[in-house]
């Protein structure tokens, strides 16, 4: 449980998705006293509908008001035109998603909140509302004025940080410059130290099959990845690579490494989703604020049915607690 006097704020995500449902379910699972560590930014009526769909009696109160133990604080953000039902792709919901995150960033940067936990947004709705971002990480980088940020997926047996994420594979290969790969290694190293690993063991995945086989399948690993690994080792970081991607994740999952540097989105996401689909947490690194998230989508097809699995939200809340505890 966070010991910070500021709450960890949970953004509800797209009001038409499962964000409200997994949020109320996760908070209902916590001990009543522990719920004081969190506040939900979102739409009160949507939270009430989600609560009813799940058959919960979780009490809600306005953030800042005195409340009985076990009640959950809500920061209501008024947005016109919400559809009032689940499973609807709506620009109004995209606008709401943006405003919840914007409010959370303002609170966190202003010292009113300790950390942000985000429920899923819908990128199509977000863009329909005029907010043209590739997802949470890009939006948060823009809102905090960061030129660079990184996505880390954390699970009990495998941690993966990405050199790039939501760009085409062709662009991703070009983006894996020695400078970007080196900074990715540094960022992952610092984060794991903060999370309690004094000397993280890091492996860097290659770009090409078998890391290019000495140029037979391309020179990108020799020219773009190897120089970054050598520079990081010269700084005292325990890092090896490039290692062929078809073996490095098995080795990390088996305990050989604490972190894998993935060169692009699918190279890092597929192994994590295979071994930890319900428990992996998405964490944004390189920002002046702390943010982690569930690692699933809005699931419009089951939103409002009470069937959404909230295990991933519980994992995200636990990771946020560790982020706050490890600050210093």
C-alpha atoms as a PDB file:
ATOM      1  CA  UNK A   1       0.000   0.000   0.000  1.00  0.00           C
ATOM      2  CA  UNK A   2       1.250   3.490  -0.861  1.00  0.00           C
ATOM      3  CA  UNK A   3       2.435   5.512   2.137  1.00  0.00           C
ATOM      4  CA  UNK A   4       2.203   8.784   0.208  1.00  0.00           C
ATOM      5  CA  UNK A   5      -0.232  11.426   1.510  1.00  0.00           C
ATOM      6  CA  UNK A   6      -1.214  12.101  -2.110  1.00  0.00           C
ATOM      7  CA  UNK A   7      -3.488   9.548  -3.770  1.00  0.00           C
ATOM      8  CA  UNK A   8      -2.624   7.330  -6.679  1.00  0.00           C
ATOM      9  CA  UNK A   9      -5.137   8.485  -9.294  1.00  0.00           C
ATOM     10  CA  UNK A  10      -6.840   5.975 -11.577  1.00  0.00           C
ATOM     11  CA  UNK A  11      -8.088   7.329 -14.902  1.00  0.00           C
ATOM     12  CA  UNK A  12     -11.296   5.517 -15.856  1.00  0.00           C
ATOM     13  CA  UNK A  13     -10.435   5.189 -19.557  1.00  0.00           C
ATOM     14  CA  UNK A  14     -13.022   5.203 -22.336  1.00  0.00           C
ATOM     15  CA  UNK A  15     -16.481   5.430 -20.698  1.00  0.00           C
ATOM     16  CA  UNK A  16     -17.845   2.911 -23.208  1.00  0.00           C
ATOM     17  CA  UNK A  17     -15.195   0.310 -22.422  1.00  0.00           C
ATOM     18  CA  UNK A  18     -14.382  -1.988 -19.517  1.00  0.00           C
ATOM     19  CA  UNK A  19     -12.273   0.585 -17.667  1.00  0.00           C
ATOM     20  CA  UNK A  20     -14.981   1.539 -15.175  1.00  0.00           C
ATOM     21  CA  UNK A  21     -15.814  -2.117 -14.559  1.00  0.00           C
ATOM     22  CA  UNK A  22     -12.266  -3.331 -13.898  1.00  0.00           C
ATOM     23  CA  UNK A  23     -11.673  -0.279 -11.701  1.00  0.00           C
ATOM     24  CA  UNK A  24     -14.636  -0.818  -9.382  1.00  0.00           C
ATOM     25  CA  UNK A  25     -14.001  -4.558  -9.272  1.00  0.00           C
ATOM     26  CA  UNK A  26     -10.342  -4.093  -8.334  1.00  0.00           C
ATOM     27  CA  UNK A  27     -11.103  -1.497  -5.665  1.00  0.00           C
ATOM     28  CA  UNK A  28     -13.853  -3.683  -4.226  1.00  0.00           C
ATOM     29  CA  UNK A  29     -11.295  -6.489  -3.855  1.00  0.00           C
ATOM     30  CA  UNK A  30      -9.011  -4.338  -1.714  1.00  0.00           C
ATOM     31  CA  UNK A  31      -9.251  -4.070   2.049  1.00  0.00           C
ATOM     32  CA  UNK A  32     -11.459  -1.063   2.946  1.00  0.00           C
ATOM     33  CA  UNK A  33      -8.570   0.842   4.567  1.00  0.00           C
ATOM     34  CA  UNK A  34      -6.381   0.377   1.504  1.00  0.00           C
ATOM     35  CA  UNK A  35      -8.873   2.093  -0.801  1.00  0.00           C
ATOM     36  CA  UNK A  36      -7.891   5.428   0.770  1.00  0.00           C
ATOM     37  CA  UNK A  37      -4.666   5.312  -1.256  1.00  0.00           C
ATOM     38  CA  UNK A  38      -6.561   5.797  -4.550  1.00  0.00           C
ATOM     39  CA  UNK A  39      -8.910   8.233  -6.285  1.00  0.00           C
ATOM     40  CA  UNK A  40     -10.723   7.629  -9.580  1.00  0.00           C
ATOM     41  CA  UNK A  41     -10.851  10.334 -12.263  1.00  0.00           C
ATOM     42  CA  UNK A  42     -13.814   9.736 -14.543  1.00  0.00           C
ATOM     43  CA  UNK A  43     -17.568   9.940 -14.903  1.00  0.00           C
ATOM     44  CA  UNK A  44     -19.591   9.236 -11.765  1.00  0.00           C
ATOM     45  CA  UNK A  45     -22.658   7.893 -13.605  1.00  0.00           C
ATOM     46  CA  UNK A  46     -20.544   5.483 -15.625  1.00  0.00           C
ATOM     47  CA  UNK A  47     -18.917   4.202 -12.460  1.00  0.00           C
ATOM     48  CA  UNK A  48     -22.360   3.706 -10.896  1.00  0.00           C
ATOM     49  CA  UNK A  49     -23.561   1.761 -13.956  1.00  0.00           C
ATOM     50  CA  UNK A  50     -20.425  -0.379 -13.842  1.00  0.00           C
ATOM     51  CA  UNK A  51     -20.951  -0.985 -10.138  1.00  0.00           C
ATOM     52  CA  UNK A  52     -24.510  -2.133 -10.772  1.00  0.00           C
ATOM     53  CA  UNK A  53     -23.447  -4.389 -13.657  1.00  0.00           C
ATOM     54  CA  UNK A  54     -20.973  -6.102 -11.337  1.00  0.00           C
ATOM     55  CA  UNK A  55     -23.426  -6.410  -8.453  1.00  0.00           C
ATOM     56  CA  UNK A  56     -21.201  -4.471  -6.065  1.00  0.00           C
ATOM     57  CA  UNK A  57     -22.139  -2.238  -3.148  1.00  0.00           C
ATOM     58  CA  UNK A  58     -18.901  -0.231  -3.255  1.00  0.00           C
ATOM     59  CA  UNK A  59     -19.498   3.244  -1.829  1.00  0.00           C
ATOM     60  CA  UNK A  60     -18.330   6.321  -3.763  1.00  0.00           C
ATOM     61  CA  UNK A  61     -17.687   9.832  -2.471  1.00  0.00           C
ATOM     62  CA  UNK A  62     -16.473  13.117  -3.903  1.00  0.00           C
ATOM     63  CA  UNK A  63     -12.708  13.540  -3.662  1.00  0.00           C
ATOM     64  CA  UNK A  64     -11.819  15.833  -0.777  1.00  0.00           C
ATOM     65  CA  UNK A  65     -14.962  15.093   1.230  1.00  0.00           C
ATOM     66  CA  UNK A  66     -14.951  13.175   4.476  1.00  0.00           C
ATOM     67  CA  UNK A  67     -16.078   9.621   3.867  1.00  0.00           C
ATOM     68  CA  UNK A  68     -16.557   6.422   5.804  1.00  0.00           C
ATOM     69  CA  UNK A  69     -13.837   3.788   5.629  1.00  0.00           C
ATOM     70  CA  UNK A  70     -14.080   1.722   2.475  1.00  0.00           C
ATOM     71  CA  UNK A  71     -15.618   4.412   0.277  1.00  0.00           C
ATOM     72  CA  UNK A  72     -13.796   5.260  -2.953  1.00  0.00           C
ATOM     73  CA  UNK A  73     -12.931   8.856  -3.850  1.00  0.00           C
ATOM     74  CA  UNK A  74     -14.152  10.028  -7.265  1.00  0.00           C
ATOM     75  CA  UNK A  75     -12.973  13.094  -9.186  1.00  0.00           C
ATOM     76  CA  UNK A  76     -15.856  13.684 -11.574  1.00  0.00           C
ATOM     77  CA  UNK A  77     -14.896  15.213 -14.921  1.00  0.00           C
ATOM     78  CA  UNK A  78     -17.957  16.527 -16.771  1.00  0.00           C
ATOM     79  CA  UNK A  79     -17.991  15.779 -20.517  1.00  0.00           C
ATOM     80  CA  UNK A  80     -21.022  16.497 -22.691  1.00  0.00           C
ATOM     81  CA  UNK A  81     -22.490  13.938 -25.069  1.00  0.00           C
ATOM     82  CA  UNK A  82     -21.448  10.673 -23.449  1.00  0.00           C
ATOM     83  CA  UNK A  83     -23.636   7.901 -24.898  1.00  0.00           C
ATOM     84  CA  UNK A  84     -24.807   6.662 -21.483  1.00  0.00           C
ATOM     85  CA  UNK A  85     -24.282   3.017 -22.374  1.00  0.00           C
ATOM     86  CA  UNK A  86     -21.358   0.691 -22.867  1.00  0.00           C
ATOM     87  CA  UNK A  87     -19.900  -0.664 -26.095  1.00  0.00           C
ATOM     88  CA  UNK A  88     -20.307   2.473 -28.229  1.00  0.00           C
ATOM     89  CA  UNK A  89     -17.485   4.032 -30.245  1.00  0.00           C
ATOM     90  CA  UNK A  90     -17.930   7.740 -29.588  1.00  0.00           C
ATOM     91  CA  UNK A  91     -15.895  10.944 -30.081  1.00  0.00           C
ATOM     92  CA  UNK A  92     -17.343  12.146 -26.760  1.00  0.00           C
ATOM     93  CA  UNK A  93     -15.804   9.131 -25.064  1.00  0.00           C
ATOM     94  CA  UNK A  94     -12.499   9.911 -26.761  1.00  0.00           C
ATOM     95  CA  UNK A  95     -12.732  13.461 -25.412  1.00  0.00           C
ATOM     96  CA  UNK A  96     -13.507  12.124 -21.946  1.00  0.00           C
ATOM     97  CA  UNK A  97     -10.529   9.760 -22.072  1.00  0.00           C
ATOM     98  CA  UNK A  98      -8.263  12.686 -22.905  1.00  0.00           C
ATOM     99  CA  UNK A  99      -9.643  14.916 -20.168  1.00  0.00           C
ATOM    100  CA  UNK A 100      -9.252  12.263 -17.492  1.00  0.00           C
ATOM    101  CA  UNK A 101      -5.592  11.845 -18.395  1.00  0.00           C
ATOM    102  CA  UNK A 102      -5.001  15.584 -18.693  1.00  0.00           C
ATOM    103  CA  UNK A 103      -6.482  16.075 -15.215  1.00  0.00           C
ATOM    104  CA  UNK A 104      -4.323  13.281 -13.815  1.00  0.00           C
ATOM    105  CA  UNK A 105      -1.163  14.780 -15.314  1.00  0.00           C
ATOM    106  CA  UNK A 106      -2.012  18.214 -13.900  1.00  0.00           C
ATOM    107  CA  UNK A 107      -2.587  16.751 -10.452  1.00  0.00           C
ATOM    108  CA  UNK A 108       0.563  14.642 -10.521  1.00  0.00           C
ATOM    109  CA  UNK A 109       2.804  17.422 -11.783  1.00  0.00           C
ATOM    110  CA  UNK A 110       1.302  19.784  -9.222  1.00  0.00           C
ATOM    111  CA  UNK A 111       1.989  17.444  -6.313  1.00  0.00           C
ATOM    112  CA  UNK A 112      -1.691  16.629  -5.704  1.00  0.00           C
ATOM    113  CA  UNK A 113      -1.287  12.992  -6.813  1.00  0.00           C
ATOM    114  CA  UNK A 114       1.531  10.493  -6.386  1.00  0.00           C
ATOM    115  CA  UNK A 115       1.174   8.353  -9.520  1.00  0.00           C
ATOM    116  CA  UNK A 116      -1.230   7.608 -12.384  1.00  0.00           C
ATOM    117  CA  UNK A 117      -2.805   4.247 -13.165  1.00  0.00           C
ATOM    118  CA  UNK A 118      -4.646   4.227 -16.482  1.00  0.00           C
ATOM    119  CA  UNK A 119      -7.563   2.081 -17.582  1.00  0.00           C
ATOM    120  CA  UNK A 120      -7.783   1.413 -21.344  1.00  0.00           C
ATOM    121  CA  UNK A 121      -8.625   4.036 -23.949  1.00  0.00           C
ATOM    122  CA  UNK A 122      -9.792   3.542 -27.528  1.00  0.00           C
ATOM    123  CA  UNK A 123      -7.370   5.102 -30.028  1.00  0.00           C
ATOM    124  CA  UNK A 124     -10.048   5.486 -32.721  1.00  0.00           C
ATOM    125  CA  UNK A 125     -12.351   7.385 -30.349  1.00  0.00           C
ATOM    126  CA  UNK A 126      -9.434   9.490 -29.115  1.00  0.00           C
ATOM    127  CA  UNK A 127      -8.497  10.512 -32.652  1.00  0.00           C
ATOM    128  CA  UNK A 128     -12.158  11.117 -33.573  1.00  0.00           C
ATOM    129  CA  UNK A 129     -12.220  13.658 -30.746  1.00  0.00           C
ATOM    130  CA  UNK A 130      -9.290  15.496 -32.341  1.00  0.00           C
ATOM    131  CA  UNK A 131      -6.541  14.165 -30.063  1.00  0.00           C
ATOM    132  CA  UNK A 132      -4.054  12.614 -32.445  1.00  0.00           C
ATOM    133  CA  UNK A 133      -1.825  10.363 -30.376  1.00  0.00           C
ATOM    134  CA  UNK A 134      -0.651   6.795 -30.820  1.00  0.00           C
ATOM    135  CA  UNK A 135      -1.841   5.941 -27.324  1.00  0.00           C
ATOM    136  CA  UNK A 136      -1.195   6.733 -23.679  1.00  0.00           C
ATOM    137  CA  UNK A 137       2.600   6.906 -23.880  1.00  0.00           C
ATOM    138  CA  UNK A 138       2.710   9.455 -26.687  1.00  0.00           C
ATOM    139  CA  UNK A 139      -0.052  11.508 -25.105  1.00  0.00           C
ATOM    140  CA  UNK A 140       1.694  11.577 -21.739  1.00  0.00           C
ATOM    141  CA  UNK A 141       4.985  12.557 -23.349  1.00  0.00           C
ATOM    142  CA  UNK A 142       3.238  15.484 -25.065  1.00  0.00           C
ATOM    143  CA  UNK A 143       1.351  16.588 -21.944  1.00  0.00           C
ATOM    144  CA  UNK A 144       4.516  16.552 -19.850  1.00  0.00           C
ATOM    145  CA  UNK A 145       6.722  18.165 -22.500  1.00  0.00           C
ATOM    146  CA  UNK A 146       8.974  15.110 -22.898  1.00  0.00           C
ATOM    147  CA  UNK A 147      10.853  14.614 -26.143  1.00  0.00           C
ATOM    148  CA  UNK A 148      11.311  10.893 -25.498  1.00  0.00           C
ATOM    149  CA  UNK A 149       9.563   8.168 -23.539  1.00  0.00           C
ATOM    150  CA  UNK A 150       9.631   4.400 -23.328  1.00  0.00           C
ATOM    151  CA  UNK A 151       7.152   1.593 -22.776  1.00  0.00           C
ATOM    152  CA  UNK A 152       8.116  -1.125 -20.315  1.00  0.00           C
ATOM    153  CA  UNK A 153       5.994  -4.250 -19.857  1.00  0.00           C
ATOM    154  CA  UNK A 154       6.527  -5.811 -16.446  1.00  0.00           C
ATOM    155  CA  UNK A 155       5.531  -9.275 -15.274  1.00  0.00           C
ATOM    156  CA  UNK A 156       6.674 -11.567 -12.454  1.00  0.00           C
ATOM    157  CA  UNK A 157       9.148 -13.452 -14.683  1.00  0.00           C
ATOM    158  CA  UNK A 158       9.799 -11.192 -17.680  1.00  0.00           C
ATOM    159  CA  UNK A 159      10.378  -7.445 -18.085  1.00  0.00           C
ATOM    160  CA  UNK A 160      10.641  -5.885 -21.541  1.00  0.00           C
ATOM    161  CA  UNK A 161      11.458  -2.301 -22.531  1.00  0.00           C
ATOM    162  CA  UNK A 162      10.890  -1.225 -26.143  1.00  0.00           C
ATOM    163  CA  UNK A 163      13.134   0.862 -28.371  1.00  0.00           C
ATOM    164  CA  UNK A 164       9.970   1.782 -30.317  1.00  0.00           C
ATOM    165  CA  UNK A 165       6.299   0.858 -30.163  1.00  0.00           C
ATOM    166  CA  UNK A 166       3.448   2.232 -32.254  1.00  0.00           C
ATOM    167  CA  UNK A 167       5.180   2.800 -35.564  1.00  0.00           C
ATOM    168  CA  UNK A 168       5.537   0.637 -38.675  1.00  0.00           C
ATOM    169  CA  UNK A 169       8.148  -2.100 -38.702  1.00  0.00           C
ATOM    170  CA  UNK A 170       9.992  -0.280 -41.481  1.00  0.00           C
ATOM    171  CA  UNK A 171      10.181   2.870 -39.347  1.00  0.00           C
ATOM    172  CA  UNK A 172      11.122   0.881 -36.255  1.00  0.00           C
ATOM    173  CA  UNK A 173      14.268  -0.503 -37.891  1.00  0.00           C
ATOM    174  CA  UNK A 174      15.374   3.013 -38.751  1.00  0.00           C
ATOM    175  CA  UNK A 175      14.572   4.283 -35.278  1.00  0.00           C
ATOM    176  CA  UNK A 176      16.823   1.713 -33.611  1.00  0.00           C
ATOM    177  CA  UNK A 177      19.844   4.017 -33.795  1.00  0.00           C
ATOM    178  CA  UNK A 178      22.837   3.431 -31.501  1.00  0.00           C
ATOM    179  CA  UNK A 179      21.802   6.521 -29.546  1.00  0.00           C
ATOM    180  CA  UNK A 180      18.192   5.396 -29.039  1.00  0.00           C
ATOM    181  CA  UNK A 181      19.183   1.830 -28.144  1.00  0.00           C
ATOM    182  CA  UNK A 182      21.756   3.120 -25.642  1.00  0.00           C
ATOM    183  CA  UNK A 183      19.247   5.434 -23.988  1.00  0.00           C
ATOM    184  CA  UNK A 184      16.739   2.572 -23.839  1.00  0.00           C
ATOM    185  CA  UNK A 185      19.296   0.427 -22.010  1.00  0.00           C
ATOM    186  CA  UNK A 186      20.074   3.274 -19.595  1.00  0.00           C
ATOM    187  CA  UNK A 187      16.397   3.954 -18.937  1.00  0.00           C
ATOM    188  CA  UNK A 188      15.618   0.313 -18.205  1.00  0.00           C
ATOM    189  CA  UNK A 189      18.701   0.014 -15.989  1.00  0.00           C
ATOM    190  CA  UNK A 190      17.690   3.032 -13.880  1.00  0.00           C
ATOM    191  CA  UNK A 191      14.127   1.816 -13.549  1.00  0.00           C
ATOM    192  CA  UNK A 192      15.037  -1.649 -12.313  1.00  0.00           C
ATOM    193  CA  UNK A 193      17.490  -0.138  -9.835  1.00  0.00           C
ATOM    194  CA  UNK A 194      14.649   1.990  -8.518  1.00  0.00           C
ATOM    195  CA  UNK A 195      12.518  -1.140  -8.226  1.00  0.00           C
ATOM    196  CA  UNK A 196      15.133  -2.735  -5.977  1.00  0.00           C
ATOM    197  CA  UNK A 197      17.547  -4.581  -8.312  1.00  0.00           C
ATOM    198  CA  UNK A 198      20.983  -3.143  -7.542  1.00  0.00           C
ATOM    199  CA  UNK A 199      22.716  -4.427 -10.682  1.00  0.00           C
ATOM    200  CA  UNK A 200      20.125  -5.391 -13.306  1.00  0.00           C
ATOM    201  CA  UNK A 201      21.124  -8.041 -15.838  1.00  0.00           C
ATOM    202  CA  UNK A 202      20.028  -6.745 -19.242  1.00  0.00           C
ATOM    203  CA  UNK A 203      19.851  -8.517 -22.599  1.00  0.00           C
ATOM    204  CA  UNK A 204      19.358  -6.693 -25.888  1.00  0.00           C
ATOM    205  CA  UNK A 205      17.400  -8.511 -28.585  1.00  0.00           C
ATOM    206  CA  UNK A 206      18.695  -8.394 -32.127  1.00  0.00           C
ATOM    207  CA  UNK A 207      16.792  -6.830 -34.992  1.00  0.00           C
ATOM    208  CA  UNK A 208      17.356  -9.479 -37.662  1.00  0.00           C
ATOM    209  CA  UNK A 209      17.014 -13.280 -37.539  1.00  0.00           C
ATOM    210  CA  UNK A 210      20.091 -14.675 -35.738  1.00  0.00           C
ATOM    211  CA  UNK A 211      21.294 -11.054 -35.375  1.00  0.00           C
ATOM    212  CA  UNK A 212      22.079 -10.992 -39.085  1.00  0.00           C
ATOM    213  CA  UNK A 213      24.473 -13.999 -39.198  1.00  0.00           C
ATOM    214  CA  UNK A 214      27.546 -11.766 -39.724  1.00  0.00           C
ATOM    215  CA  UNK A 215      25.829  -9.734 -42.407  1.00  0.00           C
ATOM    216  CA  UNK A 216      24.111 -12.579 -44.228  1.00  0.00           C
ATOM    217  CA  UNK A 217      20.665 -11.326 -43.119  1.00  0.00           C
ATOM    218  CA  UNK A 218      21.521  -7.641 -42.736  1.00  0.00           C
ATOM    219  CA  UNK A 219      24.039  -5.419 -40.933  1.00  0.00           C
ATOM    220  CA  UNK A 220      21.655  -3.530 -38.629  1.00  0.00           C
ATOM    221  CA  UNK A 221      22.679  -5.512 -35.539  1.00  0.00           C
ATOM    222  CA  UNK A 222      26.365  -4.868 -36.177  1.00  0.00           C
ATOM    223  CA  UNK A 223      25.959  -1.180 -37.006  1.00  0.00           C
ATOM    224  CA  UNK A 224      23.032  -0.075 -34.791  1.00  0.00           C
ATOM    225  CA  UNK A 225      22.755  -2.411 -31.799  1.00  0.00           C
ATOM    226  CA  UNK A 226      26.279  -3.603 -31.017  1.00  0.00           C
ATOM    227  CA  UNK A 227      27.747  -0.073 -30.589  1.00  0.00           C
ATOM    228  CA  UNK A 228      25.014   0.768 -28.069  1.00  0.00           C
ATOM    229  CA  UNK A 229      25.677  -2.381 -26.043  1.00  0.00           C
ATOM    230  CA  UNK A 230      29.407  -1.669 -25.981  1.00  0.00           C
ATOM    231  CA  UNK A 231      28.811   1.934 -24.869  1.00  0.00           C
ATOM    232  CA  UNK A 232      26.469   0.799 -22.077  1.00  0.00           C
ATOM    233  CA  UNK A 233      29.003  -1.763 -20.862  1.00  0.00           C
ATOM    234  CA  UNK A 234      31.647   0.958 -20.782  1.00  0.00           C
ATOM    235  CA  UNK A 235      29.351   2.852 -18.399  1.00  0.00           C
ATOM    236  CA  UNK A 236      29.281  -0.124 -16.032  1.00  0.00           C
ATOM    237  CA  UNK A 237      25.877  -1.499 -17.016  1.00  0.00           C
ATOM    238  CA  UNK A 238      25.580  -5.305 -16.976  1.00  0.00           C
ATOM    239  CA  UNK A 239      24.264  -5.753 -20.512  1.00  0.00           C
ATOM    240  CA  UNK A 240      24.841  -8.278 -23.284  1.00  0.00           C
ATOM    241  CA  UNK A 241      23.727  -8.472 -26.878  1.00  0.00           C
ATOM    242  CA  UNK A 242      22.534  -8.421 -29.448  1.00  0.00           C
ATOM    243  CA  UNK A 243      21.048 -11.855 -28.754  1.00  0.00           C
ATOM    244  CA  UNK A 244      18.720 -13.546 -31.256  1.00  0.00           C
ATOM    245  CA  UNK A 245      15.134 -12.723 -30.351  1.00  0.00           C
ATOM    246  CA  UNK A 246      14.004 -16.328 -30.786  1.00  0.00           C
ATOM    247  CA  UNK A 247      16.020 -17.378 -27.699  1.00  0.00           C
ATOM    248  CA  UNK A 248      16.514 -14.315 -25.519  1.00  0.00           C
ATOM    249  CA  UNK A 249      12.990 -14.273 -24.057  1.00  0.00           C
ATOM    250  CA  UNK A 250      13.167 -17.923 -23.042  1.00  0.00           C
ATOM    251  CA  UNK A 251      16.459 -17.229 -21.287  1.00  0.00           C
ATOM    252  CA  UNK A 252      15.060 -14.179 -19.498  1.00  0.00           C
ATOM    253  CA  UNK A 253      11.874 -15.999 -18.501  1.00  0.00           C
ATOM    254  CA  UNK A 254      14.066 -18.778 -17.092  1.00  0.00           C
ATOM    255  CA  UNK A 255      15.945 -16.323 -14.867  1.00  0.00           C
ATOM    256  CA  UNK A 256      19.075 -15.428 -16.840  1.00  0.00           C
ATOM    257  CA  UNK A 257      18.157 -11.747 -17.269  1.00  0.00           C
ATOM    258  CA  UNK A 258      16.118  -9.155 -15.391  1.00  0.00           C
ATOM    259  CA  UNK A 259      15.232  -7.144 -18.501  1.00  0.00           C
ATOM    260  CA  UNK A 260      15.099  -7.568 -22.263  1.00  0.00           C
ATOM    261  CA  UNK A 261      15.420  -4.621 -24.643  1.00  0.00           C
ATOM    262  CA  UNK A 262      13.016  -5.257 -27.540  1.00  0.00           C
ATOM    263  CA  UNK A 263      13.641  -3.458 -30.801  1.00  0.00           C
ATOM    264  CA  UNK A 264       9.992  -2.989 -31.824  1.00  0.00           C
ATOM    265  CA  UNK A 265       6.405  -3.446 -30.648  1.00  0.00           C
ATOM    266  CA  UNK A 266       5.551  -7.037 -31.542  1.00  0.00           C
ATOM    267  CA  UNK A 267       9.006  -8.363 -30.681  1.00  0.00           C
ATOM    268  CA  UNK A 268       8.381  -7.343 -27.068  1.00  0.00           C
ATOM    269  CA  UNK A 269       4.628  -7.673 -26.748  1.00  0.00           C
ATOM    270  CA  UNK A 270       4.152 -11.204 -28.067  1.00  0.00           C
ATOM    271  CA  UNK A 271       6.272 -13.004 -25.443  1.00  0.00           C
ATOM    272  CA  UNK A 272       4.828 -10.958 -22.580  1.00  0.00           C
ATOM    273  CA  UNK A 273       1.240 -11.540 -23.668  1.00  0.00           C
ATOM    274  CA  UNK A 274       1.941 -15.232 -24.109  1.00  0.00           C
ATOM    275  CA  UNK A 275       3.250 -15.802 -20.583  1.00  0.00           C
ATOM    276  CA  UNK A 276       1.498 -13.044 -18.591  1.00  0.00           C
ATOM    277  CA  UNK A 277      -1.610 -11.961 -20.475  1.00  0.00           C
ATOM    278  CA  UNK A 278      -3.592 -11.131 -17.320  1.00  0.00           C
ATOM    279  CA  UNK A 279      -0.805  -9.899 -15.067  1.00  0.00           C
ATOM    280  CA  UNK A 280       1.596  -7.825 -17.208  1.00  0.00           C
ATOM    281  CA  UNK A 281       1.686  -4.117 -16.402  1.00  0.00           C
ATOM    282  CA  UNK A 282       2.468  -1.342 -18.885  1.00  0.00           C
ATOM    283  CA  UNK A 283       4.757   1.306 -17.388  1.00  0.00           C
ATOM    284  CA  UNK A 284       5.802   4.591 -19.046  1.00  0.00           C
ATOM    285  CA  UNK A 285       9.443   5.517 -18.452  1.00  0.00           C
ATOM    286  CA  UNK A 286      11.338   8.718 -19.154  1.00  0.00           C
ATOM    287  CA  UNK A 287       8.506  11.004 -17.986  1.00  0.00           C
ATOM    288  CA  UNK A 288       8.675  13.463 -15.075  1.00  0.00           C
ATOM    289  CA  UNK A 289       5.718  11.610 -13.533  1.00  0.00           C
ATOM    290  CA  UNK A 290       4.980   7.977 -12.731  1.00  0.00           C
ATOM    291  CA  UNK A 291       2.380   6.109 -14.750  1.00  0.00           C
ATOM    292  CA  UNK A 292       1.491   2.465 -15.156  1.00  0.00           C
ATOM    293  CA  UNK A 293      -1.464   0.775 -16.755  1.00  0.00           C
ATOM    294  CA  UNK A 294      -3.370  -2.369 -17.466  1.00  0.00           C
ATOM    295  CA  UNK A 295      -2.120  -4.083 -20.596  1.00  0.00           C
ATOM    296  CA  UNK A 296      -5.431  -4.732 -22.361  1.00  0.00           C
ATOM    297  CA  UNK A 297      -7.932  -2.851 -24.463  1.00  0.00           C
ATOM    298  CA  UNK A 298     -11.426  -1.419 -24.034  1.00  0.00           C
ATOM    299  CA  UNK A 299     -13.214  -4.699 -24.913  1.00  0.00           C
ATOM    300  CA  UNK A 300     -16.409  -3.021 -26.160  1.00  0.00           C
ATOM    301  CA  UNK A 301     -17.910  -6.443 -26.865  1.00  0.00           C
ATOM    302  CA  UNK A 302     -18.183  -7.327 -23.152  1.00  0.00           C
ATOM    303  CA  UNK A 303     -18.312  -3.847 -21.591  1.00  0.00           C
ATOM    304  CA  UNK A 304     -21.219  -3.483 -19.193  1.00  0.00           C
ATOM    305  CA  UNK A 305     -21.797  -7.204 -18.789  1.00  0.00           C
ATOM    306  CA  UNK A 306     -19.898  -7.580 -15.525  1.00  0.00           C
ATOM    307  CA  UNK A 307     -17.626 -10.203 -17.099  1.00  0.00           C
ATOM    308  CA  UNK A 308     -14.404  -8.208 -17.531  1.00  0.00           C
ATOM    309  CA  UNK A 309     -11.401  -9.667 -15.715  1.00  0.00           C
ATOM    310  CA  UNK A 310      -9.935  -7.181 -13.226  1.00  0.00           C
ATOM    311  CA  UNK A 311      -6.778  -9.147 -12.316  1.00  0.00           C
ATOM    312  CA  UNK A 312      -4.684  -6.895 -14.571  1.00  0.00           C
ATOM    313  CA  UNK A 313      -5.974  -3.771 -12.807  1.00  0.00           C
ATOM    314  CA  UNK A 314      -5.022  -5.275  -9.443  1.00  0.00           C
ATOM    315  CA  UNK A 315      -1.519  -5.893 -10.824  1.00  0.00           C
ATOM    316  CA  UNK A 316      -1.307  -2.285 -12.065  1.00  0.00           C
ATOM    317  CA  UNK A 317      -2.367  -0.919  -8.664  1.00  0.00           C
ATOM    318  CA  UNK A 318       0.251  -3.083  -6.935  1.00  0.00           C
ATOM    319  CA  UNK A 319       2.932  -1.856  -9.360  1.00  0.00           C
ATOM    320  CA  UNK A 320       1.915   1.755  -8.730  1.00  0.00           C
ATOM    321  CA  UNK A 321       2.352   1.148  -5.002  1.00  0.00           C
ATOM    322  CA  UNK A 322       5.907  -0.067  -5.680  1.00  0.00           C
ATOM    323  CA  UNK A 323       6.649   2.954  -7.878  1.00  0.00           C
ATOM    324  CA  UNK A 324       5.608   5.330  -5.122  1.00  0.00           C
ATOM    325  CA  UNK A 325       7.479   3.359  -2.463  1.00  0.00           C
ATOM    326  CA  UNK A 326      10.630   3.314  -4.630  1.00  0.00           C
ATOM    327  CA  UNK A 327      10.687   7.037  -5.299  1.00  0.00           C
ATOM    328  CA  UNK A 328      13.703   8.851  -4.022  1.00  0.00           C
END
